[in-house]
């Protein structure tokens, strides 16, 4: 059920006062929400890329048009994953100590992801 105009106005007033009174906490909460969206989008993108690859392999010799659609789906899924993964790692790396959620399993995971990205970059720089 959609909100009425009066309810939407009240909700916007509450949100505005929330941002004015505690901008630091509002920023942390906003990042947490966007990280959740980015993580979910990464999972969707991987699924799309895998489905595109499967379609490509299944129809490569029998239906070239369907194989092309699979290829486009695979490339689009990969691009969507890269964009969201960058957003996910960027929003995790700018956390400051002492903010809610700064400690915990997700930061250990993001730290290992950051270390892996650094190792891969160094590997390509050496060549």
N, C-alpha and C. Protein backbone atom coordinates (compact mmCIF):
# COMPACT_ATOMS: atom_id res chain seq x y z
N UNK A 1 0.85 -1.16 0.00
CA UNK A 1 0.00 0.00 0.00
C UNK A 1 0.90 1.24 0.00
N UNK A 2 0.74 2.13 -0.98
CA UNK A 2 1.57 3.34 -1.02
C UNK A 2 1.20 4.31 0.09
N UNK A 3 2.17 5.14 0.44
CA UNK A 3 1.95 6.14 1.48
C UNK A 3 1.17 7.32 0.91
N UNK A 4 0.38 7.94 1.76
CA UNK A 4 -0.33 9.14 1.33
C UNK A 4 0.67 10.30 1.26
N UNK A 5 0.25 11.39 0.66
CA UNK A 5 1.13 12.56 0.53
C UNK A 5 1.53 13.09 1.91
N UNK A 6 0.60 13.09 2.84
CA UNK A 6 0.89 13.56 4.18
C UNK A 6 1.91 12.67 4.87
N UNK A 7 1.76 11.36 4.72
CA UNK A 7 2.71 10.43 5.32
C UNK A 7 4.10 10.55 4.67
N UNK A 8 4.14 10.75 3.35
CA UNK A 8 5.42 10.94 2.68
C UNK A 8 6.12 12.21 3.16
N UNK A 9 5.33 13.29 3.36
CA UNK A 9 5.90 14.54 3.84
C UNK A 9 6.46 14.38 5.24
N UNK A 10 5.74 13.67 6.11
CA UNK A 10 6.21 13.43 7.48
C UNK A 10 7.49 12.59 7.45
N UNK A 11 7.52 11.57 6.62
CA UNK A 11 8.71 10.73 6.50
C UNK A 11 9.91 11.53 6.00
N UNK A 12 9.69 12.41 5.03
CA UNK A 12 10.78 13.26 4.53
C UNK A 12 11.28 14.22 5.61
N UNK A 13 10.37 14.76 6.43
CA UNK A 13 10.77 15.64 7.53
C UNK A 13 11.61 14.88 8.55
N UNK A 14 11.21 13.66 8.86
CA UNK A 14 11.98 12.85 9.81
C UNK A 14 13.37 12.55 9.24
N UNK A 15 13.42 12.20 7.97
CA UNK A 15 14.70 11.90 7.34
C UNK A 15 15.61 13.12 7.32
N UNK A 16 15.05 14.27 6.99
CA UNK A 16 15.83 15.51 6.95
C UNK A 16 16.38 15.85 8.33
N UNK A 17 15.55 15.72 9.36
CA UNK A 17 16.03 16.02 10.71
C UNK A 17 17.08 15.00 11.16
N UNK A 18 16.94 13.77 10.73
CA UNK A 18 17.92 12.73 11.03
C UNK A 18 19.28 13.11 10.45
N UNK A 19 19.31 13.55 9.20
CA UNK A 19 20.56 13.95 8.57
C UNK A 19 21.15 15.21 9.20
N UNK A 20 20.30 16.13 9.65
CA UNK A 20 20.78 17.36 10.27
C UNK A 20 21.34 17.10 11.68
N UNK A 21 20.68 16.25 12.47
CA UNK A 21 21.08 16.03 13.85
C UNK A 21 22.28 15.12 14.02
N UNK A 22 22.40 14.11 13.18
CA UNK A 22 23.50 13.15 13.32
C UNK A 22 24.02 12.74 11.93
N UNK A 23 24.74 13.64 11.26
CA UNK A 23 25.18 13.34 9.89
C UNK A 23 26.17 12.18 9.81
N UNK A 24 26.99 11.98 10.84
CA UNK A 24 27.96 10.88 10.82
C UNK A 24 27.27 9.53 10.81
N UNK A 25 26.29 9.37 11.70
CA UNK A 25 25.56 8.10 11.76
C UNK A 25 24.74 7.91 10.48
N UNK A 26 24.16 8.97 9.96
CA UNK A 26 23.38 8.87 8.73
C UNK A 26 24.27 8.42 7.57
N UNK A 27 25.51 8.89 7.55
CA UNK A 27 26.43 8.49 6.49
C UNK A 27 26.79 7.01 6.61
N UNK A 28 27.02 6.55 7.84
CA UNK A 28 27.35 5.13 8.07
C UNK A 28 26.18 4.25 7.66
N UNK A 29 24.97 4.63 8.05
CA UNK A 29 23.78 3.85 7.70
C UNK A 29 23.58 3.85 6.19
N UNK A 30 23.79 4.98 5.54
CA UNK A 30 23.65 5.06 4.09
C UNK A 30 24.63 4.16 3.37
N UNK A 31 25.87 4.09 3.87
CA UNK A 31 26.87 3.20 3.26
C UNK A 31 26.50 1.75 3.47
N UNK A 32 25.97 1.43 4.65
CA UNK A 32 25.60 0.04 4.92
C UNK A 32 24.50 -0.41 3.96
N UNK A 33 23.55 0.46 3.70
CA UNK A 33 22.48 0.12 2.79
C UNK A 33 23.03 -0.05 1.38
N UNK A 34 23.90 0.85 0.94
CA UNK A 34 24.42 0.75 -0.41
C UNK A 34 25.33 -0.47 -0.56
N UNK A 35 26.05 -0.86 0.50
CA UNK A 35 26.87 -2.07 0.44
C UNK A 35 25.99 -3.30 0.27
N UNK A 36 24.86 -3.30 0.95
CA UNK A 36 23.93 -4.43 0.81
C UNK A 36 23.41 -4.56 -0.61
N UNK A 37 23.08 -3.42 -1.22
CA UNK A 37 22.62 -3.43 -2.60
C UNK A 37 23.74 -3.89 -3.53
N UNK A 38 24.95 -3.40 -3.31
CA UNK A 38 26.07 -3.77 -4.17
C UNK A 38 26.37 -5.26 -4.05
N UNK A 39 26.31 -5.80 -2.85
CA UNK A 39 26.57 -7.23 -2.65
C UNK A 39 25.51 -8.07 -3.35
N UNK A 40 24.26 -7.67 -3.22
CA UNK A 40 23.18 -8.41 -3.89
C UNK A 40 23.33 -8.30 -5.40
N UNK A 41 23.68 -7.12 -5.90
CA UNK A 41 23.87 -6.95 -7.34
C UNK A 41 25.04 -7.78 -7.85
N UNK A 42 26.08 -7.94 -7.04
CA UNK A 42 27.21 -8.79 -7.44
C UNK A 42 26.75 -10.23 -7.62
N UNK A 43 25.93 -10.72 -6.71
CA UNK A 43 25.43 -12.08 -6.83
C UNK A 43 24.55 -12.24 -8.07
N UNK A 44 23.71 -11.26 -8.34
CA UNK A 44 22.86 -11.30 -9.52
C UNK A 44 23.71 -11.27 -10.79
N UNK A 45 24.74 -10.45 -10.79
CA UNK A 45 25.61 -10.32 -11.96
C UNK A 45 26.35 -11.62 -12.24
N UNK A 46 26.83 -12.28 -11.20
CA UNK A 46 27.51 -13.56 -11.39
C UNK A 46 26.53 -14.58 -11.96
N UNK A 47 25.33 -14.60 -11.45
CA UNK A 47 24.31 -15.51 -11.98
C UNK A 47 24.02 -15.24 -13.45
N UNK A 48 23.92 -13.97 -13.81
CA UNK A 48 23.67 -13.61 -15.20
C UNK A 48 24.83 -13.99 -16.11
N UNK A 49 26.05 -13.78 -15.63
CA UNK A 49 27.22 -14.13 -16.43
C UNK A 49 27.31 -15.64 -16.62
N UNK A 50 27.03 -16.40 -15.58
CA UNK A 50 27.07 -17.86 -15.68
C UNK A 50 25.96 -18.35 -16.62
N UNK A 51 24.77 -17.78 -16.50
CA UNK A 51 23.67 -18.17 -17.38
C UNK A 51 24.00 -17.83 -18.83
N UNK A 52 24.60 -16.67 -19.06
CA UNK A 52 25.00 -16.31 -20.41
C UNK A 52 26.05 -17.25 -20.98
N UNK A 53 27.00 -17.64 -20.14
CA UNK A 53 28.03 -18.58 -20.58
C UNK A 53 27.42 -19.94 -20.91
N UNK A 54 26.49 -20.39 -20.07
CA UNK A 54 25.82 -21.67 -20.31
C UNK A 54 25.01 -21.61 -21.61
N UNK A 55 24.31 -20.51 -21.84
CA UNK A 55 23.56 -20.34 -23.08
C UNK A 55 24.49 -20.33 -24.28
N UNK A 56 25.61 -19.65 -24.13
CA UNK A 56 26.59 -19.61 -25.21
C UNK A 56 27.09 -21.01 -25.55
N UNK A 57 27.45 -21.77 -24.55
CA UNK A 57 27.96 -23.12 -24.79
C UNK A 57 26.88 -24.05 -25.36
N UNK A 58 25.66 -23.91 -24.87
CA UNK A 58 24.58 -24.81 -25.29
C UNK A 58 24.14 -24.56 -26.72
N UNK A 59 24.25 -23.32 -27.20
CA UNK A 59 23.69 -22.99 -28.51
C UNK A 59 24.73 -22.54 -29.52
N UNK A 60 25.99 -22.71 -29.22
CA UNK A 60 27.04 -22.20 -30.10
C UNK A 60 26.96 -22.76 -31.52
N UNK A 61 26.75 -24.05 -31.66
CA UNK A 61 26.74 -24.65 -32.99
C UNK A 61 25.35 -24.73 -33.60
N UNK A 62 24.32 -24.76 -32.79
CA UNK A 62 22.97 -24.96 -33.32
C UNK A 62 22.24 -23.65 -33.61
N UNK A 63 22.40 -22.66 -32.78
CA UNK A 63 21.67 -21.39 -32.94
C UNK A 63 22.61 -20.23 -32.65
N UNK A 64 23.30 -19.74 -33.66
CA UNK A 64 24.27 -18.65 -33.44
C UNK A 64 23.65 -17.38 -32.86
N UNK A 65 22.39 -17.09 -33.18
CA UNK A 65 21.74 -15.89 -32.63
C UNK A 65 21.57 -16.03 -31.12
N UNK A 66 21.16 -17.19 -30.67
CA UNK A 66 21.00 -17.42 -29.23
C UNK A 66 22.37 -17.41 -28.55
N UNK A 67 23.39 -17.94 -29.23
CA UNK A 67 24.74 -17.90 -28.68
C UNK A 67 25.22 -16.47 -28.53
N UNK A 68 24.87 -15.62 -29.49
CA UNK A 68 25.24 -14.20 -29.39
C UNK A 68 24.54 -13.54 -28.20
N UNK A 69 23.27 -13.88 -28.00
CA UNK A 69 22.54 -13.35 -26.84
C UNK A 69 23.22 -13.81 -25.55
N UNK A 70 23.64 -15.06 -25.51
CA UNK A 70 24.36 -15.57 -24.35
C UNK A 70 25.66 -14.83 -24.12
N UNK A 71 26.37 -14.54 -25.21
CA UNK A 71 27.63 -13.79 -25.09
C UNK A 71 27.37 -12.39 -24.55
N UNK A 72 26.36 -11.72 -25.08
CA UNK A 72 26.03 -10.37 -24.60
C UNK A 72 25.64 -10.41 -23.13
N UNK A 73 24.86 -11.40 -22.74
CA UNK A 73 24.46 -11.55 -21.34
C UNK A 73 25.68 -11.79 -20.45
N UNK A 74 26.61 -12.60 -20.94
CA UNK A 74 27.82 -12.89 -20.17
C UNK A 74 28.66 -11.63 -19.99
N UNK A 75 28.84 -10.86 -21.05
CA UNK A 75 29.64 -9.64 -20.97
C UNK A 75 28.95 -8.60 -20.09
N UNK A 76 27.64 -8.46 -20.24
CA UNK A 76 26.90 -7.50 -19.42
C UNK A 76 26.95 -7.89 -17.94
N UNK A 77 26.80 -9.16 -17.65
CA UNK A 77 26.88 -9.62 -16.26
C UNK A 77 28.25 -9.37 -15.66
N UNK A 78 29.29 -9.59 -16.45
CA UNK A 78 30.65 -9.35 -15.97
C UNK A 78 30.87 -7.86 -15.70
N UNK A 79 30.42 -7.02 -16.61
CA UNK A 79 30.56 -5.57 -16.41
C UNK A 79 29.78 -5.09 -15.20
N UNK A 80 28.59 -5.59 -15.03
CA UNK A 80 27.75 -5.24 -13.89
C UNK A 80 28.41 -5.68 -12.59
N UNK A 81 29.03 -6.87 -12.61
CA UNK A 81 29.73 -7.36 -11.42
C UNK A 81 30.91 -6.46 -11.09
N UNK A 82 31.71 -6.10 -12.08
CA UNK A 82 32.89 -5.27 -11.83
C UNK A 82 32.49 -3.93 -11.25
N UNK A 83 31.46 -3.32 -11.82
CA UNK A 83 31.01 -2.02 -11.31
C UNK A 83 30.55 -2.11 -9.86
N UNK A 84 29.76 -3.11 -9.54
CA UNK A 84 29.27 -3.25 -8.17
C UNK A 84 30.35 -3.71 -7.21
N UNK A 85 31.29 -4.53 -7.68
CA UNK A 85 32.38 -4.97 -6.82
C UNK A 85 33.27 -3.79 -6.46
N UNK A 86 33.52 -2.90 -7.41
CA UNK A 86 34.30 -1.69 -7.10
C UNK A 86 33.58 -0.83 -6.08
N UNK A 87 32.27 -0.70 -6.24
CA UNK A 87 31.50 0.08 -5.27
C UNK A 87 31.55 -0.59 -3.90
N UNK A 88 31.45 -1.90 -3.88
CA UNK A 88 31.47 -2.64 -2.63
C UNK A 88 32.81 -2.50 -1.92
N UNK A 89 33.91 -2.65 -2.63
CA UNK A 89 35.22 -2.54 -2.00
C UNK A 89 35.57 -1.10 -1.65
N UNK A 90 35.13 -0.15 -2.44
CA UNK A 90 35.40 1.25 -2.13
C UNK A 90 34.65 1.69 -0.89
N UNK A 91 33.42 1.27 -0.73
CA UNK A 91 32.65 1.68 0.44
C UNK A 91 33.15 0.97 1.70
N UNK A 92 33.76 -0.20 1.57
CA UNK A 92 34.30 -0.88 2.74
C UNK A 92 35.64 -0.31 3.14
N UNK A 93 36.42 0.17 2.20
CA UNK A 93 37.77 0.63 2.52
C UNK A 93 37.78 2.00 3.18
N UNK A 94 36.70 2.78 3.06
CA UNK A 94 36.71 4.11 3.67
C UNK A 94 36.11 4.13 5.07
N UNK A 95 35.94 2.97 5.69
CA UNK A 95 35.42 2.92 7.05
C UNK A 95 36.47 3.43 8.03
N UNK A 96 36.02 4.15 9.00
CA UNK A 96 36.93 4.66 10.01
C UNK A 96 36.77 3.84 11.28
N UNK A 97 37.84 3.63 12.04
CA UNK A 97 37.73 2.87 13.28
C UNK A 97 36.79 3.57 14.24
N UNK A 98 36.05 2.79 14.97
CA UNK A 98 35.14 3.36 15.96
C UNK A 98 33.73 3.55 15.45
N UNK A 99 33.50 3.41 14.14
CA UNK A 99 32.15 3.53 13.63
C UNK A 99 31.46 2.18 13.77
N UNK A 100 30.15 2.18 13.87
CA UNK A 100 29.45 0.90 14.02
C UNK A 100 29.75 -0.01 12.83
N UNK A 101 30.11 -1.24 13.11
CA UNK A 101 30.39 -2.21 12.06
C UNK A 101 31.81 -2.16 11.54
N UNK A 102 32.67 -1.32 12.14
CA UNK A 102 34.04 -1.22 11.66
C UNK A 102 34.83 -2.47 11.99
N UNK A 103 34.42 -3.18 13.04
CA UNK A 103 35.07 -4.43 13.37
C UNK A 103 34.16 -5.57 12.91
N UNK A 104 34.74 -6.74 12.76
CA UNK A 104 33.89 -7.88 12.45
C UNK A 104 34.34 -8.65 11.24
N UNK A 105 33.56 -9.67 10.94
CA UNK A 105 33.90 -10.59 9.89
C UNK A 105 33.92 -9.94 8.51
N UNK A 106 33.01 -9.02 8.23
CA UNK A 106 32.97 -8.43 6.89
C UNK A 106 34.24 -7.65 6.59
N UNK A 107 34.82 -6.99 7.60
CA UNK A 107 36.05 -6.25 7.34
C UNK A 107 37.23 -7.18 7.16
N UNK A 108 37.23 -8.31 7.86
CA UNK A 108 38.30 -9.28 7.62
C UNK A 108 38.20 -9.81 6.20
N UNK A 109 36.98 -10.03 5.74
CA UNK A 109 36.79 -10.51 4.37
C UNK A 109 37.21 -9.44 3.39
N UNK A 110 36.79 -8.18 3.62
CA UNK A 110 37.16 -7.13 2.68
C UNK A 110 38.66 -6.89 2.72
N UNK A 111 39.30 -7.08 3.87
CA UNK A 111 40.74 -6.95 3.94
C UNK A 111 41.43 -8.00 3.09
N UNK A 112 40.94 -9.22 3.14
CA UNK A 112 41.55 -10.27 2.32
C UNK A 112 41.29 -10.03 0.85
N UNK A 113 40.12 -9.47 0.51
CA UNK A 113 39.83 -9.13 -0.88
C UNK A 113 40.76 -8.03 -1.33
N UNK A 114 40.97 -7.03 -0.48
CA UNK A 114 41.88 -5.95 -0.82
C UNK A 114 43.31 -6.43 -1.00
N UNK A 115 43.71 -7.37 -0.14
CA UNK A 115 45.06 -7.93 -0.28
C UNK A 115 45.18 -8.73 -1.57
N UNK A 116 44.15 -9.47 -1.92
CA UNK A 116 44.18 -10.25 -3.16
C UNK A 116 44.25 -9.33 -4.36
N UNK A 117 43.48 -8.24 -4.32
CA UNK A 117 43.53 -7.27 -5.43
C UNK A 117 44.92 -6.67 -5.55
N UNK A 118 45.56 -6.36 -4.42
CA UNK A 118 46.91 -5.80 -4.46
C UNK A 118 47.90 -6.79 -5.04
N UNK A 119 47.78 -8.06 -4.65
CA UNK A 119 48.69 -9.08 -5.19
C UNK A 119 48.50 -9.25 -6.69
N UNK A 120 47.27 -9.23 -7.15
CA UNK A 120 47.01 -9.37 -8.59
C UNK A 120 47.57 -8.18 -9.34
N UNK A 121 47.38 -6.98 -8.81
CA UNK A 121 47.92 -5.78 -9.47
C UNK A 121 49.44 -5.84 -9.55
N UNK A 122 50.08 -6.27 -8.47
CA UNK A 122 51.54 -6.40 -8.47
C UNK A 122 52.00 -7.44 -9.49
N UNK A 123 51.27 -8.51 -9.62
CA UNK A 123 51.61 -9.54 -10.58
C UNK A 123 51.60 -8.98 -12.01
N UNK A 124 50.59 -8.18 -12.34
CA UNK A 124 50.52 -7.61 -13.67
C UNK A 124 51.52 -6.48 -13.87
N UNK A 125 51.88 -5.77 -12.83
CA UNK A 125 52.88 -4.71 -12.95
C UNK A 125 54.26 -5.29 -13.22
N UNK A 126 54.55 -6.45 -12.66
CA UNK A 126 55.84 -7.08 -12.87
C UNK A 126 56.05 -7.51 -14.30
N UNK A 127 54.99 -7.87 -14.97
CA UNK A 127 55.10 -8.37 -16.35
C UNK A 127 55.16 -7.22 -17.24
